Amino acid sequence: MTLNLCVLTPNRIVWDSEVKEIILSTNSGQIGVLPNHAPIATAVDIGILRIRLNDQWLTMALMGGFARIGNNEITILVNDAEKGSDIDPQEAQQALEIAEANLRKAEGKRQTIEANLALRRARTRVEAINAIS
């Protein structure tokens, strides 16, 4: 038995096919979803989506949004998403270093909050690469 997973951003469909299992980062922690999971709607945190296709695991960096699970269908609506295999490791590492530097020189609450969010997004992209290598 499988699940139909659809990952959508405002601009594109990132994923739309059957999977065996997922592990999703929510605002209250990670949840694993197998076929016949109880219906749920949840907020999606900035984090890694792990997707199992038979014996292979893939990763995707998700940038926050919402998920709806029910009747073996999972719909994830996020601000942005990238497959781990599509992320350039050097560019992601460089973005992480820039985000860390921006956080160090942030002044005031607003800049600090924005810098922290940018750092979380950059870390998630690097994690998505490292999880598949």
N, C-alpha and C. Protein backbone atom coordinates (compact mmCIF):
# COMPACT_ATOMS: atom_id res chain seq x y z
N MET A 1 0.83 -1.18 0.00
CA MET A 1 0.00 0.00 0.00
C MET A 1 0.88 1.25 0.00
N THR A 2 0.44 2.29 -0.69
CA THR A 2 1.25 3.50 -0.81
C THR A 2 0.44 4.74 -0.43
N LEU A 3 1.16 5.83 -0.38
CA LEU A 3 0.59 7.15 -0.12
C LEU A 3 0.80 8.01 -1.36
N ASN A 4 -0.14 8.89 -1.66
CA ASN A 4 0.06 9.86 -2.73
C ASN A 4 0.53 11.16 -2.09
N LEU A 5 1.77 11.57 -2.41
CA LEU A 5 2.36 12.78 -1.85
C LEU A 5 2.40 13.87 -2.90
N CYS A 6 1.91 15.04 -2.52
CA CYS A 6 1.96 16.21 -3.39
C CYS A 6 2.56 17.37 -2.59
N VAL A 7 3.70 17.90 -3.07
CA VAL A 7 4.35 19.04 -2.43
C VAL A 7 4.23 20.22 -3.38
N LEU A 8 3.59 21.29 -2.90
CA LEU A 8 3.31 22.45 -3.74
C LEU A 8 3.91 23.71 -3.13
N THR A 9 4.44 24.59 -3.99
CA THR A 9 4.83 25.93 -3.60
C THR A 9 3.92 26.90 -4.37
N PRO A 10 3.98 28.18 -4.08
CA PRO A 10 3.14 29.10 -4.85
C PRO A 10 3.44 29.09 -6.36
N ASN A 11 4.64 28.67 -6.74
CA ASN A 11 5.06 28.74 -8.14
C ASN A 11 5.07 27.43 -8.90
N ARG A 12 5.10 26.30 -8.18
CA ARG A 12 5.27 25.04 -8.90
C ARG A 12 4.88 23.83 -8.06
N ILE A 13 4.75 22.72 -8.76
CA ILE A 13 4.57 21.42 -8.11
C ILE A 13 5.96 20.80 -7.99
N VAL A 14 6.40 20.58 -6.78
CA VAL A 14 7.75 20.04 -6.55
C VAL A 14 7.73 18.52 -6.60
N TRP A 15 6.65 17.92 -6.11
CA TRP A 15 6.57 16.46 -6.06
C TRP A 15 5.11 16.06 -6.19
N ASP A 16 4.81 15.07 -7.01
CA ASP A 16 3.45 14.55 -7.12
C ASP A 16 3.53 13.10 -7.58
N SER A 17 3.70 12.20 -6.61
CA SER A 17 3.73 10.77 -6.95
C SER A 17 3.57 9.94 -5.67
N GLU A 18 3.52 8.63 -5.86
CA GLU A 18 3.31 7.71 -4.75
C GLU A 18 4.61 7.46 -3.99
N VAL A 19 4.47 7.34 -2.67
CA VAL A 19 5.59 7.05 -1.78
C VAL A 19 5.17 5.98 -0.78
N LYS A 20 6.13 5.38 -0.11
CA LYS A 20 5.85 4.35 0.90
C LYS A 20 5.68 4.96 2.29
N GLU A 21 6.43 6.04 2.56
CA GLU A 21 6.44 6.63 3.90
C GLU A 21 7.08 8.01 3.82
N ILE A 22 6.70 8.90 4.74
CA ILE A 22 7.40 10.18 4.86
C ILE A 22 7.67 10.47 6.33
N ILE A 23 8.66 11.31 6.56
CA ILE A 23 8.91 11.88 7.88
C ILE A 23 8.92 13.39 7.67
N LEU A 24 8.02 14.08 8.35
CA LEU A 24 7.75 15.49 8.12
C LEU A 24 8.08 16.30 9.36
N SER A 25 8.76 17.45 9.18
CA SER A 25 9.05 18.36 10.29
C SER A 25 7.87 19.30 10.49
N THR A 26 7.22 19.18 11.66
CA THR A 26 6.10 20.06 11.97
C THR A 26 6.53 21.04 13.07
N ASN A 27 5.67 21.99 13.38
CA ASN A 27 6.00 22.96 14.42
C ASN A 27 6.07 22.32 15.80
N SER A 28 5.51 21.10 15.95
CA SER A 28 5.55 20.42 17.24
C SER A 28 6.46 19.18 17.23
N GLY A 29 7.31 19.07 16.22
CA GLY A 29 8.23 17.94 16.13
C GLY A 29 8.04 17.17 14.84
N GLN A 30 8.78 16.10 14.69
CA GLN A 30 8.68 15.29 13.47
C GLN A 30 7.57 14.26 13.60
N ILE A 31 6.89 14.01 12.47
CA ILE A 31 5.90 12.94 12.45
C ILE A 31 6.20 12.01 11.28
N GLY A 32 6.01 10.74 11.52
CA GLY A 32 6.14 9.75 10.46
C GLY A 32 4.74 9.42 9.95
N VAL A 33 4.62 9.27 8.64
CA VAL A 33 3.32 8.97 8.05
C VAL A 33 3.45 7.72 7.19
N LEU A 34 2.64 6.71 7.53
CA LEU A 34 2.55 5.46 6.79
C LEU A 34 1.13 5.36 6.22
N PRO A 35 0.89 4.42 5.31
CA PRO A 35 -0.48 4.25 4.80
C PRO A 35 -1.49 4.06 5.93
N ASN A 36 -2.70 4.56 5.71
CA ASN A 36 -3.80 4.52 6.67
C ASN A 36 -3.57 5.35 7.92
N HIS A 37 -2.75 6.39 7.80
CA HIS A 37 -2.52 7.31 8.92
C HIS A 37 -3.83 8.04 9.24
N ALA A 38 -4.02 8.35 10.50
CA ALA A 38 -5.20 9.11 10.92
C ALA A 38 -5.20 10.48 10.25
N PRO A 39 -6.36 11.01 9.88
CA PRO A 39 -6.42 12.34 9.26
C PRO A 39 -5.88 13.41 10.20
N ILE A 40 -5.11 14.33 9.64
CA ILE A 40 -4.51 15.41 10.43
C ILE A 40 -4.20 16.59 9.53
N ALA A 41 -4.30 17.77 10.08
CA ALA A 41 -3.82 18.99 9.43
C ALA A 41 -2.81 19.60 10.39
N THR A 42 -1.65 20.01 9.88
CA THR A 42 -0.59 20.50 10.76
C THR A 42 0.22 21.59 10.08
N ALA A 43 0.82 22.44 10.90
CA ALA A 43 1.76 23.43 10.38
C ALA A 43 3.10 22.73 10.11
N VAL A 44 3.73 23.10 9.02
CA VAL A 44 5.03 22.54 8.63
C VAL A 44 6.12 23.54 8.98
N ASP A 45 7.14 23.08 9.67
CA ASP A 45 8.24 23.94 10.08
C ASP A 45 9.29 24.01 8.96
N ILE A 46 10.21 24.94 9.09
CA ILE A 46 11.39 24.94 8.23
C ILE A 46 12.17 23.70 8.62
N GLY A 47 12.37 22.79 7.67
CA GLY A 47 13.05 21.55 8.01
C GLY A 47 13.08 20.57 6.85
N ILE A 48 13.49 19.36 7.16
CA ILE A 48 13.68 18.32 6.16
C ILE A 48 12.44 17.43 6.05
N LEU A 49 12.06 17.15 4.82
CA LEU A 49 11.05 16.13 4.53
C LEU A 49 11.82 14.92 4.03
N ARG A 50 11.62 13.78 4.69
CA ARG A 50 12.25 12.54 4.23
C ARG A 50 11.17 11.70 3.55
N ILE A 51 11.50 11.20 2.36
CA ILE A 51 10.55 10.46 1.54
C ILE A 51 11.13 9.07 1.26
N ARG A 52 10.34 8.03 1.56
CA ARG A 52 10.81 6.66 1.27
C ARG A 52 10.09 6.13 0.04
N LEU A 53 10.90 5.76 -0.95
CA LEU A 53 10.43 5.08 -2.16
C LEU A 53 11.03 3.69 -2.12
N ASN A 54 10.23 2.68 -1.85
CA ASN A 54 10.74 1.31 -1.68
C ASN A 54 11.88 1.30 -0.66
N ASP A 55 13.11 1.00 -1.08
CA ASP A 55 14.23 0.95 -0.14
C ASP A 55 15.10 2.19 -0.17
N GLN A 56 14.70 3.19 -0.91
CA GLN A 56 15.50 4.40 -1.08
C GLN A 56 14.84 5.58 -0.36
N TRP A 57 15.64 6.37 0.36
CA TRP A 57 15.17 7.57 1.03
C TRP A 57 15.67 8.80 0.27
N LEU A 58 14.77 9.75 0.04
CA LEU A 58 15.12 11.03 -0.58
C LEU A 58 14.85 12.13 0.44
N THR A 59 15.48 13.28 0.25
CA THR A 59 15.23 14.41 1.15
C THR A 59 14.77 15.62 0.36
N MET A 60 14.07 16.48 1.07
CA MET A 60 13.62 17.74 0.49
C MET A 60 13.68 18.79 1.60
N ALA A 61 14.18 19.98 1.27
CA ALA A 61 14.20 21.09 2.21
C ALA A 61 12.88 21.84 2.07
N LEU A 62 12.14 21.94 3.17
CA LEU A 62 10.86 22.65 3.16
C LEU A 62 11.01 23.95 3.96
N MET A 63 10.38 25.02 3.46
CA MET A 63 10.53 26.32 4.09
C MET A 63 9.26 26.81 4.77
N GLY A 64 8.58 25.92 5.47
CA GLY A 64 7.42 26.29 6.27
C GLY A 64 6.13 26.35 5.48
N GLY A 65 5.04 25.93 6.08
CA GLY A 65 3.74 25.94 5.43
C GLY A 65 2.75 25.08 6.19
N PHE A 66 1.94 24.32 5.45
CA PHE A 66 0.90 23.49 6.05
C PHE A 66 0.85 22.14 5.35
N ALA A 67 0.36 21.13 6.07
CA ALA A 67 0.19 19.80 5.50
C ALA A 67 -1.19 19.26 5.89
N ARG A 68 -1.78 18.51 4.96
CA ARG A 68 -3.05 17.84 5.22
C ARG A 68 -2.86 16.37 4.87
N ILE A 69 -3.21 15.51 5.81
CA ILE A 69 -3.04 14.07 5.63
C ILE A 69 -4.40 13.41 5.83
N GLY A 70 -4.78 12.55 4.90
CA GLY A 70 -6.03 11.82 5.03
C GLY A 70 -6.30 10.95 3.82
N ASN A 71 -6.94 9.80 4.03
CA ASN A 71 -7.27 8.87 2.93
C ASN A 71 -6.06 8.51 2.08
N ASN A 72 -4.91 8.31 2.73
CA ASN A 72 -3.66 7.96 2.04
C ASN A 72 -3.20 9.02 1.05
N GLU A 73 -3.61 10.26 1.27
CA GLU A 73 -3.16 11.39 0.46
C GLU A 73 -2.53 12.43 1.37
N ILE A 74 -1.37 12.90 0.97
CA ILE A 74 -0.66 13.93 1.73
C ILE A 74 -0.47 15.12 0.81
N THR A 75 -0.97 16.27 1.23
CA THR A 75 -0.77 17.50 0.48
C THR A 75 0.01 18.45 1.38
N ILE A 76 1.16 18.90 0.88
CA ILE A 76 2.01 19.80 1.64
C ILE A 76 2.13 21.10 0.85
N LEU A 77 1.68 22.19 1.45
CA LEU A 77 1.75 23.51 0.84
C LEU A 77 2.82 24.30 1.59
N VAL A 78 3.88 24.69 0.90
CA VAL A 78 4.99 25.37 1.56
C VAL A 78 5.41 26.62 0.79
N ASN A 79 6.10 27.51 1.50
CA ASN A 79 6.59 28.74 0.88
C ASN A 79 7.62 28.44 -0.19
N ASP A 80 8.48 27.45 0.06
CA ASP A 80 9.47 27.02 -0.92
C ASP A 80 9.91 25.61 -0.58
N ALA A 81 10.39 24.89 -1.57
CA ALA A 81 10.87 23.52 -1.37
C ALA A 81 11.93 23.21 -2.41
N GLU A 82 12.94 22.46 -2.01
CA GLU A 82 13.99 22.02 -2.93
C GLU A 82 14.34 20.58 -2.61
N LYS A 83 14.43 19.76 -3.65
CA LYS A 83 14.92 18.39 -3.47
C LYS A 83 16.39 18.47 -3.09
N GLY A 84 16.79 17.61 -2.15
CA GLY A 84 18.18 17.60 -1.72
C GLY A 84 19.14 17.40 -2.88
N SER A 85 18.74 16.59 -3.86
CA SER A 85 19.60 16.30 -5.01
C SER A 85 19.73 17.49 -5.96
N ASP A 86 18.84 18.49 -5.84
CA ASP A 86 18.88 19.67 -6.72
C ASP A 86 19.67 20.83 -6.12
N ILE A 87 20.08 20.69 -4.86
CA ILE A 87 20.78 21.79 -4.18
C ILE A 87 22.27 21.71 -4.46
N ASP A 88 22.86 22.83 -4.88
CA ASP A 88 24.30 22.91 -5.12
C ASP A 88 25.02 23.00 -3.77
N PRO A 89 25.83 22.00 -3.42
CA PRO A 89 26.48 21.98 -2.10
C PRO A 89 27.33 23.21 -1.80
N GLN A 90 28.10 23.67 -2.79
CA GLN A 90 28.96 24.84 -2.56
C GLN A 90 28.14 26.10 -2.33
N GLU A 91 27.09 26.28 -3.12
CA GLU A 91 26.23 27.46 -2.99
C GLU A 91 25.51 27.43 -1.64
N ALA A 92 25.04 26.26 -1.23
CA ALA A 92 24.34 26.12 0.05
C ALA A 92 25.27 26.42 1.22
N GLN A 93 26.50 25.92 1.16
CA GLN A 93 27.48 26.18 2.23
C GLN A 93 27.84 27.66 2.28
N GLN A 94 27.98 28.27 1.12
CA GLN A 94 28.28 29.71 1.07
C GLN A 94 27.11 30.52 1.65
N ALA A 95 25.89 30.15 1.32
CA ALA A 95 24.71 30.84 1.85
C ALA A 95 24.65 30.70 3.37
N LEU A 96 25.03 29.52 3.88
CA LEU A 96 25.05 29.29 5.32
C LEU A 96 26.07 30.21 6.00
N GLU A 97 27.25 30.33 5.43
CA GLU A 97 28.28 31.19 6.00
C GLU A 97 27.85 32.66 5.98
N ILE A 98 27.20 33.08 4.91
CA ILE A 98 26.69 34.46 4.82
C ILE A 98 25.62 34.68 5.87
N ALA A 99 24.71 33.71 6.04
CA ALA A 99 23.64 33.83 7.03
C ALA A 99 24.21 33.92 8.45
N GLU A 100 25.25 33.13 8.73
CA GLU A 100 25.89 33.18 10.05
C GLU A 100 26.52 34.55 10.28
N ALA A 101 27.19 35.08 9.26
CA ALA A 101 27.81 36.41 9.37
C ALA A 101 26.76 37.50 9.56
N ASN A 102 25.65 37.39 8.83
CA ASN A 102 24.57 38.38 8.96
C ASN A 102 23.96 38.36 10.36
N LEU A 103 23.85 37.17 10.95
CA LEU A 103 23.32 37.08 12.31
C LEU A 103 24.26 37.74 13.31
N ARG A 104 25.56 37.54 13.13
CA ARG A 104 26.54 38.14 14.04
C ARG A 104 26.48 39.67 13.99
N LYS A 105 26.23 40.24 12.82
CA LYS A 105 26.23 41.70 12.73
C LYS A 105 24.82 42.31 12.76
N ALA A 106 23.81 41.51 13.06
CA ALA A 106 22.43 42.01 13.13
C ALA A 106 22.29 42.96 14.32
N GLU A 107 21.55 44.05 14.09
CA GLU A 107 21.30 45.04 15.14
C GLU A 107 19.80 45.19 15.30
N GLY A 108 19.34 45.14 16.52
CA GLY A 108 17.92 45.30 16.78
C GLY A 108 17.15 44.00 16.62
N LYS A 109 15.91 44.00 17.15
CA LYS A 109 15.09 42.79 17.14
C LYS A 109 14.75 42.32 15.73
N ARG A 110 14.30 43.24 14.90
CA ARG A 110 13.85 42.85 13.56
C ARG A 110 14.97 42.20 12.74
N GLN A 111 16.14 42.83 12.72
CA GLN A 111 17.26 42.24 11.97
C GLN A 111 17.67 40.89 12.54
N THR A 112 17.63 40.77 13.86
CA THR A 112 18.01 39.51 14.50
C THR A 112 17.02 38.41 14.12
N ILE A 113 15.72 38.71 14.15
CA ILE A 113 14.70 37.72 13.80
C ILE A 113 14.85 37.30 12.34
N GLU A 114 15.02 38.28 11.44
CA GLU A 114 15.19 37.97 10.02
C GLU A 114 16.46 37.16 9.77
N ALA A 115 17.53 37.52 10.46
CA ALA A 115 18.80 36.79 10.30
C ALA A 115 18.68 35.36 10.82
N ASN A 116 17.96 35.17 11.93
CA ASN A 116 17.74 33.82 12.46
C ASN A 116 16.94 32.96 11.48
N LEU A 117 15.91 33.53 10.87
CA LEU A 117 15.12 32.78 9.88
C LEU A 117 15.97 32.41 8.67
N ALA A 118 16.77 33.36 8.20
CA ALA A 118 17.65 33.08 7.05
C ALA A 118 18.64 31.98 7.40
N LEU A 119 19.14 31.99 8.63
CA LEU A 119 20.08 30.97 9.08
C LEU A 119 19.40 29.60 9.13
N ARG A 120 18.17 29.54 9.64
CA ARG A 120 17.43 28.27 9.68
C ARG A 120 17.20 27.72 8.27
N ARG A 121 16.85 28.59 7.34
CA ARG A 121 16.63 28.15 5.95
C ARG A 121 17.94 27.63 5.35
N ALA A 122 19.04 28.35 5.58
CA ALA A 122 20.34 27.92 5.04
C ALA A 122 20.78 26.59 5.65
N ARG A 123 20.59 26.42 6.95
CA ARG A 123 20.96 25.16 7.61
C ARG A 123 20.14 23.99 7.06
N THR A 124 18.86 24.24 6.82
CA THR A 124 17.99 23.18 6.31
C THR A 124 18.45 22.73 4.93
N ARG A 125 18.85 23.68 4.09
CA ARG A 125 19.33 23.31 2.75
C ARG A 125 20.60 22.45 2.84
N VAL A 126 21.52 22.81 3.74
CA VAL A 126 22.76 22.03 3.93
C VAL A 126 22.41 20.65 4.49
N GLU A 127 21.48 20.58 5.45
CA GLU A 127 21.06 19.29 6.00
C GLU A 127 20.45 18.39 4.94
N ALA A 128 19.69 18.98 4.03
CA ALA A 128 19.05 18.18 2.97
C ALA A 128 20.12 17.53 2.08
N ILE A 129 21.21 18.21 1.85
CA ILE A 129 22.31 17.65 1.05
C ILE A 129 23.02 16.55 1.84
N ASN A 130 23.34 16.84 3.09
CA ASN A 130 24.10 15.90 3.92
C ASN A 130 23.31 14.63 4.22
N ALA A 131 22.00 14.73 4.26
CA ALA A 131 21.18 13.55 4.56
C ALA A 131 21.21 12.54 3.42
N ILE A 132 21.52 12.97 2.20
CA ILE A 132 21.53 12.04 1.06
C ILE A 132 22.93 11.56 0.71
N SER A 133 23.96 12.22 1.25
CA SER A 133 25.32 11.81 0.85
C SER A 133 25.89 10.76 1.76
